[in-house]
Amino acid sequence: LVALLAACRAGRSPRPPVPRQETAGAAPDRLADPVGPDAAG
């Protein structure tokens, strides 16, 4: 593991961080929220 981690560290070029997706957000209700069984189809 030490050898693999060392190789990864040597070969990794800097990249801008990727923002983590939070659960909360401005998501369209139709896509984000489940439909209950009484309303569903």
PDB file of all heavy atoms in Angstrom:
ATOM      1  N   LEU A   1       0.823  -1.205   0.000  1.00  0.00           N
ATOM      2  CA  LEU A   1       0.000   0.000   0.000  1.00  0.00           C
ATOM      3  C   LEU A   1       0.859   1.257   0.000  1.00  0.00           C
ATOM      4  O   LEU A   1       0.557   2.235  -0.700  1.00  0.00           O
ATOM      5  CB  LEU A   1      -0.932   0.003   1.216  1.00  0.00           C
ATOM      6  CG  LEU A   1      -2.114  -0.963   1.167  1.00  0.00           C
ATOM      7  CD1 LEU A   1      -2.850  -0.967   2.502  1.00  0.00           C
ATOM      8  CD2 LEU A   1      -3.077  -0.599   0.033  1.00  0.00           C
ATOM      9  N   VAL A   2       1.938   1.245   0.756  1.00  0.00           N
ATOM     10  CA  VAL A   2       2.850   2.397   0.779  1.00  0.00           C
ATOM     11  C   VAL A   2       3.383   2.671  -0.625  1.00  0.00           C
ATOM     12  O   VAL A   2       3.412   3.820  -1.094  1.00  0.00           O
ATOM     13  CB  VAL A   2       4.009   2.161   1.767  1.00  0.00           C
ATOM     14  CG1 VAL A   2       5.090   3.232   1.601  1.00  0.00           C
ATOM     15  CG2 VAL A   2       3.492   2.149   3.200  1.00  0.00           C
ATOM     16  N   ALA A   3       3.798   1.619  -1.335  1.00  0.00           N
ATOM     17  CA  ALA A   3       4.344   1.790  -2.682  1.00  0.00           C
ATOM     18  C   ALA A   3       3.286   2.349  -3.636  1.00  0.00           C
ATOM     19  O   ALA A   3       3.579   3.237  -4.462  1.00  0.00           O
ATOM     20  CB  ALA A   3       4.874   0.456  -3.196  1.00  0.00           C
ATOM     21  N   LEU A   4       2.066   1.850  -3.545  1.00  0.00           N
ATOM     22  CA  LEU A   4       1.001   2.329  -4.430  1.00  0.00           C
ATOM     23  C   LEU A   4       0.637   3.777  -4.120  1.00  0.00           C
ATOM     24  O   LEU A   4       0.432   4.588  -5.037  1.00  0.00           O
ATOM     25  CB  LEU A   4      -0.231   1.434  -4.283  1.00  0.00           C
ATOM     26  CG  LEU A   4      -0.082  -0.007  -4.781  1.00  0.00           C
ATOM     27  CD1 LEU A   4      -1.296  -0.832  -4.376  1.00  0.00           C
ATOM     28  CD2 LEU A   4       0.104  -0.041  -6.290  1.00  0.00           C
ATOM     29  N   LEU A   5       0.554   4.111  -2.849  1.00  0.00           N
ATOM     30  CA  LEU A   5       0.234   5.480  -2.465  1.00  0.00           C
ATOM     31  C   LEU A   5       1.330   6.449  -2.886  1.00  0.00           C
ATOM     32  O   LEU A   5       1.062   7.577  -3.312  1.00  0.00           O
ATOM     33  CB  LEU A   5      -0.004   5.559  -0.958  1.00  0.00           C
ATOM     34  CG  LEU A   5      -1.251   4.829  -0.444  1.00  0.00           C
ATOM     35  CD1 LEU A   5      -1.224   4.717   1.079  1.00  0.00           C
ATOM     36  CD2 LEU A   5      -2.523   5.541  -0.899  1.00  0.00           C
ATOM     37  N   ALA A   6       2.575   6.002  -2.793  1.00  0.00           N
ATOM     38  CA  ALA A   6       3.694   6.848  -3.204  1.00  0.00           C
ATOM     39  C   ALA A   6       3.653   7.113  -4.705  1.00  0.00           C
ATOM     40  O   ALA A   6       3.880   8.240  -5.166  1.00  0.00           O
ATOM     41  CB  ALA A   6       5.018   6.187  -2.816  1.00  0.00           C
ATOM     42  N   ALA A   7       3.370   6.073  -5.496  1.00  0.00           N
ATOM     43  CA  ALA A   7       3.306   6.238  -6.942  1.00  0.00           C
ATOM     44  C   ALA A   7       2.166   7.176  -7.325  1.00  0.00           C
ATOM     45  O   ALA A   7       2.299   8.026  -8.220  1.00  0.00           O
ATOM     46  CB  ALA A   7       3.110   4.882  -7.611  1.00  0.00           C
ATOM     47  N   CYS A   8       1.038   7.038  -6.643  1.00  0.00           N
ATOM     48  CA  CYS A   8      -0.114   7.899  -6.915  1.00  0.00           C
ATOM     49  C   CYS A   8       0.218   9.345  -6.588  1.00  0.00           C
ATOM     50  O   CYS A   8      -0.092  10.255  -7.358  1.00  0.00           O
ATOM     51  CB  CYS A   8      -1.298   7.435  -6.085  1.00  0.00           C
ATOM     52  SG  CYS A   8      -2.619   8.654  -5.940  1.00  0.00           S
ATOM     53  N   ARG A   9       0.892   9.551  -5.481  1.00  0.00           N
ATOM     54  CA  ARG A   9       1.211  10.913  -5.048  1.00  0.00           C
ATOM     55  C   ARG A   9       2.191  11.578  -6.014  1.00  0.00           C
ATOM     56  O   ARG A   9       2.071  12.759  -6.325  1.00  0.00           O
ATOM     57  CB  ARG A   9       1.807  10.855  -3.643  1.00  0.00           C
ATOM     58  CG  ARG A   9       1.881  12.187  -2.928  1.00  0.00           C
ATOM     59  CD  ARG A   9       2.293  11.974  -1.493  1.00  0.00           C
ATOM     60  NE  ARG A   9       2.283  13.200  -0.737  1.00  0.00           N
ATOM     61  CZ  ARG A   9       2.590  13.282   0.545  1.00  0.00           C
ATOM     62  NH1 ARG A   9       2.914  12.178   1.218  1.00  0.00           N
ATOM     63  NH2 ARG A   9       2.563  14.428   1.182  1.00  0.00           N
ATOM     64  N   ALA A  10       3.137  10.778  -6.533  1.00  0.00           N
ATOM     65  CA  ALA A  10       4.132  11.327  -7.450  1.00  0.00           C
ATOM     66  C   ALA A  10       3.521  11.671  -8.799  1.00  0.00           C
ATOM     67  O   ALA A  10       3.915  12.632  -9.452  1.00  0.00           O
ATOM     68  CB  ALA A  10       5.265  10.323  -7.639  1.00  0.00           C
ATOM     69  N   GLY A  11       2.551  10.850  -9.228  1.00  0.00           N
ATOM     70  CA  GLY A  11       2.007  11.035 -10.565  1.00  0.00           C
ATOM     71  C   GLY A  11       0.807  11.931 -10.652  1.00  0.00           C
ATOM     72  O   GLY A  11       0.350  12.242 -11.748  1.00  0.00           O
ATOM     73  N   ARG A  12       0.259  12.352  -9.504  1.00  0.00           N
ATOM     74  CA  ARG A  12      -0.981  13.120  -9.542  1.00  0.00           C
ATOM     75  C   ARG A  12      -0.701  14.586  -9.809  1.00  0.00           C
ATOM     76  O   ARG A  12       0.056  15.230  -9.079  1.00  0.00           O
ATOM     77  CB  ARG A  12      -1.725  12.976  -8.209  1.00  0.00           C
ATOM     78  CG  ARG A  12      -3.137  13.550  -8.265  1.00  0.00           C
ATOM     79  CD  ARG A  12      -3.894  13.268  -6.964  1.00  0.00           C
ATOM     80  NE  ARG A  12      -3.348  14.021  -5.865  1.00  0.00           N
ATOM     81  CZ  ARG A  12      -3.098  13.521  -4.664  1.00  0.00           C
ATOM     82  NH1 ARG A  12      -3.324  12.247  -4.423  1.00  0.00           N
ATOM     83  NH2 ARG A  12      -2.606  14.277  -3.709  1.00  0.00           N
ATOM     84  N   SER A  13      -1.277  15.128 -10.869  1.00  0.00           N
ATOM     85  CA  SER A  13      -1.137  16.545 -11.172  1.00  0.00           C
ATOM     86  C   SER A  13      -2.256  17.313 -10.486  1.00  0.00           C
ATOM     87  O   SER A  13      -3.363  16.789 -10.324  1.00  0.00           O
ATOM     88  CB  SER A  13      -1.203  16.780 -12.682  1.00  0.00           C
ATOM     89  OG  SER A  13      -2.419  16.278 -13.193  1.00  0.00           O
ATOM     90  N   PRO A  14      -2.002  18.558 -10.088  1.00  0.00           N
ATOM     91  CA  PRO A  14      -3.045  19.312  -9.381  1.00  0.00           C
ATOM     92  C   PRO A  14      -4.273  19.522 -10.260  1.00  0.00           C
ATOM     93  O   PRO A  14      -4.174  19.802 -11.442  1.00  0.00           O
ATOM     94  CB  PRO A  14      -2.355  20.647  -9.076  1.00  0.00           C
ATOM     95  CG  PRO A  14      -0.894  20.362  -9.190  1.00  0.00           C
ATOM     96  CD  PRO A  14      -0.756  19.289 -10.216  1.00  0.00           C
ATOM     97  N   ARG A  15      -5.441  19.371  -9.664  1.00  0.00           N
ATOM     98  CA  ARG A  15      -6.711  19.639 -10.341  1.00  0.00           C
ATOM     99  C   ARG A  15      -7.572  20.485  -9.423  1.00  0.00           C
ATOM    100  O   ARG A  15      -7.449  20.392  -8.203  1.00  0.00           O
ATOM    101  CB  ARG A  15      -7.477  18.341 -10.638  1.00  0.00           C
ATOM    102  CG  ARG A  15      -6.811  17.402 -11.596  1.00  0.00           C
ATOM    103  CD  ARG A  15      -7.814  16.344 -12.000  1.00  0.00           C
ATOM    104  NE  ARG A  15      -7.191  15.248 -12.723  1.00  0.00           N
ATOM    105  CZ  ARG A  15      -7.877  14.273 -13.291  1.00  0.00           C
ATOM    106  NH1 ARG A  15      -9.185  14.272 -13.227  1.00  0.00           N
ATOM    107  NH2 ARG A  15      -7.266  13.306 -13.939  1.00  0.00           N
ATOM    108  N   PRO A  16      -8.436  21.284  -9.988  1.00  0.00           N
ATOM    109  CA  PRO A  16      -9.360  22.017  -9.104  1.00  0.00           C
ATOM    110  C   PRO A  16     -10.282  21.051  -8.393  1.00  0.00           C
ATOM    111  O   PRO A  16     -10.679  20.028  -8.967  1.00  0.00           O
ATOM    112  CB  PRO A  16     -10.143  22.906 -10.086  1.00  0.00           C
ATOM    113  CG  PRO A  16     -10.008  22.232 -11.414  1.00  0.00           C
ATOM    114  CD  PRO A  16      -8.658  21.560 -11.399  1.00  0.00           C
ATOM    115  N   PRO A  17     -10.609  21.316  -7.147  1.00  0.00           N
ATOM    116  CA  PRO A  17     -11.490  20.396  -6.411  1.00  0.00           C
ATOM    117  C   PRO A  17     -12.864  20.302  -7.053  1.00  0.00           C
ATOM    118  O   PRO A  17     -13.367  21.269  -7.614  1.00  0.00           O
ATOM    119  CB  PRO A  17     -11.568  21.018  -5.008  1.00  0.00           C
ATOM    120  CG  PRO A  17     -11.157  22.439  -5.187  1.00  0.00           C
ATOM    121  CD  PRO A  17     -10.209  22.480  -6.345  1.00  0.00           C
ATOM    122  N   VAL A  18     -13.448  19.104  -6.976  1.00  0.00           N
ATOM    123  CA  VAL A  18     -14.793  18.875  -7.483  1.00  0.00           C
ATOM    124  C   VAL A  18     -15.766  19.083  -6.340  1.00  0.00           C
ATOM    125  O   VAL A  18     -15.662  18.415  -5.307  1.00  0.00           O
ATOM    126  CB  VAL A  18     -14.935  17.442  -8.044  1.00  0.00           C
ATOM    127  CG1 VAL A  18     -16.372  17.205  -8.519  1.00  0.00           C
ATOM    128  CG2 VAL A  18     -13.936  17.216  -9.172  1.00  0.00           C
ATOM    129  N   PRO A  19     -16.706  20.014  -6.465  1.00  0.00           N
ATOM    130  CA  PRO A  19     -17.638  20.252  -5.350  1.00  0.00           C
ATOM    131  C   PRO A  19     -18.496  19.037  -5.088  1.00  0.00           C
ATOM    132  O   PRO A  19     -18.973  18.378  -6.012  1.00  0.00           O
ATOM    133  CB  PRO A  19     -18.490  21.438  -5.834  1.00  0.00           C
ATOM    134  CG  PRO A  19     -18.367  21.418  -7.325  1.00  0.00           C
ATOM    135  CD  PRO A  19     -16.996  20.863  -7.622  1.00  0.00           C
ATOM    136  N   ARG A  20     -18.661  18.732  -3.804  1.00  0.00           N
ATOM    137  CA  ARG A  20     -19.500  17.604  -3.425  1.00  0.00           C
ATOM    138  C   ARG A  20     -20.953  17.987  -3.555  1.00  0.00           C
ATOM    139  O   ARG A  20     -21.371  19.076  -3.179  1.00  0.00           O
ATOM    140  CB  ARG A  20     -19.177  17.201  -1.983  1.00  0.00           C
ATOM    141  CG  ARG A  20     -20.073  16.122  -1.430  1.00  0.00           C
ATOM    142  CD  ARG A  20     -19.363  15.344  -0.355  1.00  0.00           C
ATOM    143  NE  ARG A  20     -18.851  16.151   0.720  1.00  0.00           N
ATOM    144  CZ  ARG A  20     -19.541  16.446   1.819  1.00  0.00           C
ATOM    145  NH1 ARG A  20     -20.772  16.033   1.952  1.00  0.00           N
ATOM    146  NH2 ARG A  20     -19.003  17.152   2.784  1.00  0.00           N
ATOM    147  N   GLN A  21     -21.775  17.054  -4.091  1.00  0.00           N
ATOM    148  CA  GLN A  21     -23.197  17.307  -4.264  1.00  0.00           C
ATOM    149  C   GLN A  21     -23.912  17.060  -2.948  1.00  0.00           C
ATOM    150  O   GLN A  21     -23.833  15.981  -2.380  1.00  0.00           O
ATOM    151  CB  GLN A  21     -23.773  16.379  -5.345  1.00  0.00           C
ATOM    152  CG  GLN A  21     -23.099  16.517  -6.694  1.00  0.00           C
ATOM    153  CD  GLN A  21     -23.319  17.877  -7.337  1.00  0.00           C
ATOM    154  OE1 GLN A  21     -24.167  18.630  -6.905  1.00  0.00           O
ATOM    155  NE2 GLN A  21     -22.553  18.189  -8.352  1.00  0.00           N
ATOM    156  N   GLU A  22     -24.580  18.086  -2.466  1.00  0.00           N
ATOM    157  CA  GLU A  22     -25.357  17.931  -1.241  1.00  0.00           C
ATOM    158  C   GLU A  22     -26.746  17.403  -1.578  1.00  0.00           C
ATOM    159  O   GLU A  22     -27.249  17.579  -2.680  1.00  0.00           O
ATOM    160  CB  GLU A  22     -25.476  19.274  -0.511  1.00  0.00           C
ATOM    161  CG  GLU A  22     -24.129  19.863  -0.124  1.00  0.00           C
ATOM    162  CD  GLU A  22     -23.380  19.016   0.887  1.00  0.00           C
ATOM    163  OE1 GLU A  22     -24.023  18.183   1.546  1.00  0.00           O
ATOM    164  OE2 GLU A  22     -22.173  19.191   1.032  1.00  0.00           O
ATOM    165  N   THR A  23     -27.379  16.786  -0.583  1.00  0.00           N
ATOM    166  CA  THR A  23     -28.727  16.263  -0.809  1.00  0.00           C
ATOM    167  C   THR A  23     -29.717  17.393  -1.024  1.00  0.00           C
ATOM    168  O   THR A  23     -30.565  17.330  -1.892  1.00  0.00           O
ATOM    169  CB  THR A  23     -29.159  15.410   0.381  1.00  0.00           C
ATOM    170  OG1 THR A  23     -28.214  14.357   0.536  1.00  0.00           O
ATOM    171  CG2 THR A  23     -30.534  14.826   0.168  1.00  0.00           C
ATOM    172  N   ALA A  24     -29.610  18.448  -0.217  1.00  0.00           N
ATOM    173  CA  ALA A  24     -30.525  19.568  -0.386  1.00  0.00           C
ATOM    174  C   ALA A  24     -30.115  20.367  -1.610  1.00  0.00           C
ATOM    175  O   ALA A  24     -28.952  20.462  -1.950  1.00  0.00           O
ATOM    176  CB  ALA A  24     -30.492  20.454   0.862  1.00  0.00           C
ATOM    177  N   GLY A  25     -31.063  21.003  -2.272  1.00  0.00           N
ATOM    178  CA  GLY A  25     -30.736  21.820  -3.431  1.00  0.00           C
ATOM    179  C   GLY A  25     -31.986  22.167  -4.196  1.00  0.00           C
ATOM    180  O   GLY A  25     -33.073  21.677  -3.942  1.00  0.00           O
ATOM    181  N   ALA A  26     -31.785  23.034  -5.162  1.00  0.00           N
ATOM    182  CA  ALA A  26     -32.905  23.472  -5.979  1.00  0.00           C
ATOM    183  C   ALA A  26     -33.184  22.443  -7.048  1.00  0.00           C
ATOM    184  O   ALA A  26     -32.774  22.580  -8.187  1.00  0.00           O
ATOM    185  CB  ALA A  26     -32.596  24.831  -6.592  1.00  0.00           C
ATOM    186  N   ALA A  27     -33.837  21.369  -6.671  1.00  0.00           N
ATOM    187  CA  ALA A  27     -34.158  20.306  -7.617  1.00  0.00           C
ATOM    188  C   ALA A  27     -35.629  20.390  -7.983  1.00  0.00           C
ATOM    189  O   ALA A  27     -36.478  20.613  -7.126  1.00  0.00           O
ATOM    190  CB  ALA A  27     -33.873  18.941  -6.996  1.00  0.00           C
ATOM    191  N   PRO A  28     -35.944  20.203  -9.264  1.00  0.00           N
ATOM    192  CA  PRO A  28     -37.357  20.203  -9.639  1.00  0.00           C
ATOM    193  C   PRO A  28     -38.125  19.153  -8.856  1.00  0.00           C
ATOM    194  O   PRO A  28     -37.696  18.006  -8.764  1.00  0.00           O
ATOM    195  CB  PRO A  28     -37.306  19.861 -11.139  1.00  0.00           C
ATOM    196  CG  PRO A  28     -35.922  20.214 -11.583  1.00  0.00           C
ATOM    197  CD  PRO A  28     -35.047  19.988 -10.397  1.00  0.00           C
ATOM    198  N   ASP A  29     -39.258  19.539  -8.283  1.00  0.00           N
ATOM    199  CA  ASP A  29     -40.017  18.620  -7.448  1.00  0.00           C
ATOM    200  C   ASP A  29     -40.362  17.330  -8.179  1.00  0.00           C
ATOM    201  O   ASP A  29     -40.354  16.249  -7.609  1.00  0.00           O
ATOM    202  CB  ASP A  29     -41.312  19.289  -6.956  1.00  0.00           C
ATOM    203  CG  ASP A  29     -41.031  20.378  -5.947  1.00  0.00           C
ATOM    204  OD1 ASP A  29     -39.909  20.382  -5.408  1.00  0.00           O
ATOM    205  OD2 ASP A  29     -41.915  21.216  -5.716  1.00  0.00           O
ATOM    206  N   ARG A  30     -40.708  17.457  -9.456  1.00  0.00           N
ATOM    207  CA  ARG A  30     -41.161  16.290 -10.219  1.00  0.00           C
ATOM    208  C   ARG A  30     -40.068  15.246 -10.309  1.00  0.00           C
ATOM    209  O   ARG A  30     -40.328  14.052 -10.378  1.00  0.00           O
ATOM    210  CB  ARG A  30     -41.576  16.762 -11.618  1.00  0.00           C
ATOM    211  CG  ARG A  30     -41.901  15.671 -12.617  1.00  0.00           C
ATOM    212  CD  ARG A  30     -43.138  14.909 -12.203  1.00  0.00           C
ATOM    213  NE  ARG A  30     -43.498  13.937 -13.215  1.00  0.00           N
ATOM    214  CZ  ARG A  30     -44.242  12.895 -13.001  1.00  0.00           C
ATOM    215  NH1 ARG A  30     -44.729  12.682 -11.806  1.00  0.00           N
ATOM    216  NH2 ARG A  30     -44.536  12.052 -13.964  1.00  0.00           N
ATOM    217  N   LEU A  31     -38.808  15.703 -10.305  1.00  0.00           N
ATOM    218  CA  LEU A  31     -37.708  14.766 -10.464  1.00  0.00           C
ATOM    219  C   LEU A  31     -37.135  14.330  -9.134  1.00  0.00           C
ATOM    220  O   LEU A  31     -36.642  13.226  -8.999  1.00  0.00           O
ATOM    221  CB  LEU A  31     -36.589  15.407 -11.303  1.00  0.00           C
ATOM    222  CG  LEU A  31     -37.018  15.906 -12.685  1.00  0.00           C
ATOM    223  CD1 LEU A  31     -35.823  16.489 -13.403  1.00  0.00           C
ATOM    224  CD2 LEU A  31     -37.649  14.796 -13.506  1.00  0.00           C
ATOM    225  N   ALA A  32     -37.170  15.199  -8.137  1.00  0.00           N
ATOM    226  CA  ALA A  32     -36.445  14.905  -6.913  1.00  0.00           C
ATOM    227  C   ALA A  32     -37.276  14.180  -5.876  1.00  0.00           C
ATOM    228  O   ALA A  32     -36.753  13.402  -5.105  1.00  0.00           O
ATOM    229  CB  ALA A  32     -35.930  16.211  -6.294  1.00  0.00           C
ATOM    230  N   ASP A  33     -38.569  14.444  -5.836  1.00  0.00           N
ATOM    231  CA  ASP A  33     -39.376  13.903  -4.755  1.00  0.00           C
ATOM    232  C   ASP A  33     -40.168  12.696  -5.213  1.00  0.00           C
ATOM    233  O   ASP A  33     -40.809  12.722  -6.257  1.00  0.00           O
ATOM    234  CB  ASP A  33     -40.356  14.964  -4.244  1.00  0.00           C
ATOM    235  CG  ASP A  33     -39.616  16.120  -3.598  1.00  0.00           C
ATOM    236  OD1 ASP A  33     -38.525  15.875  -3.069  1.00  0.00           O
ATOM    237  OD2 ASP A  33     -40.134  17.249  -3.646  1.00  0.00           O
ATOM    238  N   PRO A  34     -40.168  11.618  -4.431  1.00  0.00           N
ATOM    239  CA  PRO A  34     -40.949  10.456  -4.806  1.00  0.00           C
ATOM    240  C   PRO A  34     -42.443  10.731  -4.715  1.00  0.00           C
ATOM    241  O   PRO A  34     -42.887  11.545  -3.925  1.00  0.00           O
ATOM    242  CB  PRO A  34     -40.533   9.398  -3.782  1.00  0.00           C
ATOM    243  CG  PRO A  34     -40.068  10.181  -2.614  1.00  0.00           C
ATOM    244  CD  PRO A  34     -39.464  11.438  -3.165  1.00  0.00           C
ATOM    245  N   VAL A  35     -43.168  10.018  -5.534  1.00  0.00           N
ATOM    246  CA  VAL A  35     -44.621  10.162  -5.545  1.00  0.00           C
ATOM    247  C   VAL A  35     -45.216   9.059  -4.703  1.00  0.00           C
ATOM    248  O   VAL A  35     -44.856   7.899  -4.850  1.00  0.00           O
ATOM    249  CB  VAL A  35     -45.144  10.080  -6.992  1.00  0.00           C
ATOM    250  CG1 VAL A  35     -46.663  10.202  -7.016  1.00  0.00           C
ATOM    251  CG2 VAL A  35     -44.517  11.188  -7.833  1.00  0.00           C
ATOM    252  N   GLY A  36     -46.111   9.397  -3.813  1.00  0.00           N
ATOM    253  CA  GLY A  36     -46.724   8.399  -2.951  1.00  0.00           C
ATOM    254  C   GLY A  36     -47.610   7.456  -3.729  1.00  0.00           C
ATOM    255  O   GLY A  36     -48.050   7.755  -4.834  1.00  0.00           O
ATOM    256  N   PRO A  37     -47.905   6.300  -3.181  1.00  0.00           N
ATOM    257  CA  PRO A  37     -48.670   5.299  -3.911  1.00  0.00           C
ATOM    258  C   PRO A  37     -50.076   5.733  -4.262  1.00  0.00           C
ATOM    259  O   PRO A  37     -50.637   5.276  -5.241  1.00  0.00           O
ATOM    260  CB  PRO A  37     -48.684   4.103  -2.955  1.00  0.00           C
ATOM    261  CG  PRO A  37     -48.364   4.663  -1.606  1.00  0.00           C
ATOM    262  CD  PRO A  37     -47.505   5.840  -1.851  1.00  0.00           C
ATOM    263  N   ASP A  38     -50.665   6.652  -3.503  1.00  0.00           N
ATOM    264  CA  ASP A  38     -52.026   7.066  -3.814  1.00  0.00           C
ATOM    265  C   ASP A  38     -52.073   7.999  -5.024  1.00  0.00           C
ATOM    266  O   ASP A  38     -53.058   8.056  -5.741  1.00  0.00           O
ATOM    267  CB  ASP A  38     -52.657   7.762  -2.610  1.00  0.00           C
ATOM    268  CG  ASP A  38     -52.858   6.786  -1.467  1.00  0.00           C
ATOM    269  OD1 ASP A  38     -53.037   5.591  -1.740  1.00  0.00           O
ATOM    270  OD2 ASP A  38     -52.813   7.225  -0.318  1.00  0.00           O
ATOM    271  N   ALA A  39     -50.960   8.747  -5.230  1.00  0.00           N
ATOM    272  CA  ALA A  39     -50.934   9.694  -6.332  1.00  0.00           C
ATOM    273  C   ALA A  39     -50.293   9.099  -7.568  1.00  0.00           C
ATOM    274  O   ALA A  39     -50.272   9.712  -8.612  1.00  0.00           O
ATOM    275  CB  ALA A  39     -50.163  10.945  -5.908  1.00  0.00           C
ATOM    276  N   ALA A  40     -49.720   7.923  -7.450  1.00  0.00           N
ATOM    277  CA  ALA A  40     -48.815   7.435  -8.473  1.00  0.00           C
ATOM    278  C   ALA A  40     -49.524   6.654  -9.547  1.00  0.00           C
ATOM    279  O   ALA A  40     -49.839   5.492  -9.377  1.00  0.00           O
ATOM    280  CB  ALA A  40     -47.749   6.564  -7.814  1.00  0.00           C
ATOM    281  N   GLY A  41     -49.741   7.277 -10.701  1.00  0.00           N
ATOM    282  CA  GLY A  41     -50.180   6.563 -11.875  1.00  0.00           C
ATOM    283  C   GLY A  41     -51.519   5.862 -11.733  1.00  0.00           C
ATOM    284  O   GLY A  41     -51.858   5.023 -12.546  1.00  0.00           O
TER     285      GLY A  41
END
